């Protein structure tokens, strides 16, 4: 297993508390919950930079997931508090590659790491967008600049 990536200082942290509906019958976080938390953290990261994903959609841009990879290191359990840390990796063409670490707040242990890759598409035609409309392009430029 490769070592966990080190989050840059500008990474965004989204706090969560493990609720009963997040767990399996044994009180351990169900694997799909982590993906939901990552999506929420990504949207809240955008919001923290005064960007609204709904505005991008109204401009005709969607960002479907084209690749997703998770590594489970330690379980989180019912009642645990955690933080989902996320940041954009440096640009790779049109792909937006988000890195994630989910850490137990009490122990600081990394429980899950992941990478989710998104690609911009025309929301109506579902074709890859090689050029983004405004304000999406300027929003992404600002976001990348803030994460350096």
Protein backbone atom coordinates (compact mmCIF):
# COMPACT_ATOMS: atom_id res chain seq x y z
CA UNK A 1 0.00 0.00 0.00
CA UNK A 2 1.37 3.41 -0.95
CA UNK A 3 1.77 6.06 1.75
CA UNK A 4 -1.02 8.57 2.24
CA UNK A 5 -0.55 11.78 0.28
CA UNK A 6 0.18 14.87 2.30
CA UNK A 7 -2.58 17.44 2.11
CA UNK A 8 -1.40 20.91 1.08
CA UNK A 9 -1.95 23.78 3.53
CA UNK A 10 -4.79 25.12 1.36
CA UNK A 11 -6.75 21.84 1.50
CA UNK A 12 -10.39 22.10 2.59
CA UNK A 13 -11.68 20.26 5.66
CA UNK A 14 -15.30 19.18 6.06
CA UNK A 15 -16.30 17.82 9.50
CA UNK A 16 -18.64 14.83 9.84
CA UNK A 17 -20.00 12.75 12.71
CA UNK A 18 -20.84 9.10 12.12
CA UNK A 19 -24.60 8.68 12.49
CA UNK A 20 -26.55 5.38 12.64
CA UNK A 21 -27.62 5.67 8.98
CA UNK A 22 -23.93 5.85 7.94
CA UNK A 23 -23.12 2.40 9.34
CA UNK A 24 -23.66 -1.28 8.68
CA UNK A 25 -25.25 -3.61 11.24
CA UNK A 26 -21.95 -3.76 13.15
CA UNK A 27 -21.70 0.00 13.67
CA UNK A 28 -18.87 0.42 11.14
CA UNK A 29 -19.19 3.07 8.44
CA UNK A 30 -20.60 1.52 5.27
CA UNK A 31 -18.17 1.97 2.34
CA UNK A 32 -20.61 4.00 0.21
CA UNK A 33 -20.93 6.61 2.95
CA UNK A 34 -17.34 7.70 2.37
CA UNK A 35 -18.14 8.51 -1.28
CA UNK A 36 -21.14 10.59 -0.24
CA UNK A 37 -19.00 12.49 2.27
CA UNK A 38 -16.39 13.13 -0.41
CA UNK A 39 -18.98 14.56 -2.79
CA UNK A 40 -20.34 16.82 -0.05
CA UNK A 41 -16.82 17.97 0.87
CA UNK A 42 -16.08 18.78 -2.78
CA UNK A 43 -19.25 20.88 -3.13
CA UNK A 44 -18.62 22.63 0.20
CA UNK A 45 -15.03 23.33 -0.87
CA UNK A 46 -16.39 25.08 -3.96
CA UNK A 47 -18.88 26.99 -1.82
CA UNK A 48 -16.07 28.10 0.52
CA UNK A 49 -14.49 29.74 -2.55
CA UNK A 50 -17.77 31.49 -3.47
CA UNK A 51 -18.51 29.00 -6.25
CA UNK A 52 -21.86 27.31 -6.68
CA UNK A 53 -22.03 24.00 -8.54
CA UNK A 54 -25.68 24.75 -9.37
CA UNK A 55 -24.51 27.81 -11.35
CA UNK A 56 -22.20 25.60 -13.38
CA UNK A 57 -25.08 23.26 -14.16
CA UNK A 58 -27.24 26.22 -15.22
CA UNK A 59 -24.41 27.15 -17.64
CA UNK A 60 -24.81 23.72 -19.22
CA UNK A 61 -21.81 22.05 -17.54
CA UNK A 62 -21.92 18.75 -15.69
CA UNK A 63 -18.96 17.00 -14.08
CA UNK A 64 -19.51 13.24 -14.07
CA UNK A 65 -17.15 10.93 -12.22
CA UNK A 66 -14.96 8.99 -14.68
CA UNK A 67 -12.64 7.37 -12.16
CA UNK A 68 -12.86 6.67 -8.46
CA UNK A 69 -10.35 4.94 -6.22
CA UNK A 70 -10.53 4.40 -2.45
CA UNK A 71 -8.14 2.84 0.01
CA UNK A 72 -9.44 1.81 3.40
CA UNK A 73 -6.90 2.09 6.20
CA UNK A 74 -8.97 2.05 9.41
CA UNK A 75 -12.69 1.92 10.09
CA UNK A 76 -14.74 4.74 11.50
CA UNK A 77 -17.48 3.69 13.90
CA UNK A 78 -20.81 4.98 15.14
CA UNK A 79 -20.31 8.23 17.07
CA UNK A 80 -16.81 8.94 15.73
CA UNK A 81 -16.03 12.42 14.49
CA UNK A 82 -14.00 12.77 11.32
CA UNK A 83 -12.84 15.36 8.86
CA UNK A 84 -12.92 14.92 5.09
CA UNK A 85 -9.92 16.77 3.67
CA UNK A 86 -9.98 17.52 -0.04
CA UNK A 87 -7.91 19.36 -2.63
CA UNK A 88 -7.45 19.53 -6.36
CA UNK A 89 -4.37 17.94 -7.83
CA UNK A 90 -2.47 20.05 -10.40
CA UNK A 91 -4.28 20.37 -13.74
CA UNK A 92 -4.29 17.39 -16.07
CA UNK A 93 -5.82 18.61 -19.30
CA UNK A 94 -9.57 18.86 -18.88
CA UNK A 95 -9.73 16.41 -15.97
CA UNK A 96 -10.39 17.64 -12.45
CA UNK A 97 -8.63 15.27 -10.08
CA UNK A 98 -9.70 15.59 -6.45
CA UNK A 99 -7.65 14.01 -3.69
CA UNK A 100 -9.22 13.00 -0.35
CA UNK A 101 -8.20 11.99 3.14
CA UNK A 102 -10.72 11.09 5.80
CA UNK A 103 -9.23 11.35 9.26
CA UNK A 104 -10.52 10.41 12.68
CA UNK A 105 -10.64 13.73 14.56
CA UNK A 106 -9.81 12.19 17.95
CA UNK A 107 -6.76 10.21 16.83
CA UNK A 108 -5.75 12.07 13.64
CA UNK A 109 -5.44 8.62 12.02
CA UNK A 110 -6.08 8.45 8.29
CA UNK A 111 -9.04 6.10 7.80
CA UNK A 112 -9.65 6.43 4.06
CA UNK A 113 -7.77 7.97 1.15
CA UNK A 114 -9.20 8.44 -2.30
CA UNK A 115 -9.02 10.06 -5.67
CA UNK A 116 -12.03 11.06 -7.75
CA UNK A 117 -11.61 12.24 -11.34
CA UNK A 118 -14.27 14.39 -13.02
CA UNK A 119 -14.55 15.46 -16.64
CA UNK A 120 -16.63 18.44 -17.82
CA UNK A 121 -19.39 17.57 -20.26
CA UNK A 122 -22.16 19.46 -21.99
CA UNK A 123 -25.12 18.70 -19.73
CA UNK A 124 -27.52 18.30 -22.65
CA UNK A 125 -25.43 16.49 -25.25
CA UNK A 126 -23.19 14.63 -22.75
CA UNK A 127 -20.13 15.42 -24.88
CA UNK A 128 -16.79 16.34 -23.34
CA UNK A 129 -16.19 20.08 -23.14
CA UNK A 130 -12.73 21.08 -24.27
CA UNK A 131 -13.52 24.76 -23.58
CA UNK A 132 -15.50 25.80 -20.53
CA UNK A 133 -18.05 28.61 -20.51
CA UNK A 134 -17.85 31.52 -18.10
CA UNK A 135 -18.07 31.65 -15.15
CA UNK A 136 -16.92 28.02 -14.91
CA UNK A 137 -13.51 28.66 -16.47
CA UNK A 138 -12.69 31.67 -14.29
CA UNK A 139 -14.02 29.87 -11.20
CA UNK A 140 -11.71 26.92 -11.85
CA UNK A 141 -8.77 29.24 -12.55
CA UNK A 142 -9.36 30.89 -9.16
CA UNK A 143 -9.76 27.55 -7.43
CA UNK A 144 -6.52 26.15 -8.83
CA UNK A 145 -4.68 29.37 -7.92
CA UNK A 146 -5.98 29.20 -4.34
CA UNK A 147 -4.77 25.61 -3.90
CA UNK A 148 -1.14 26.25 -4.86
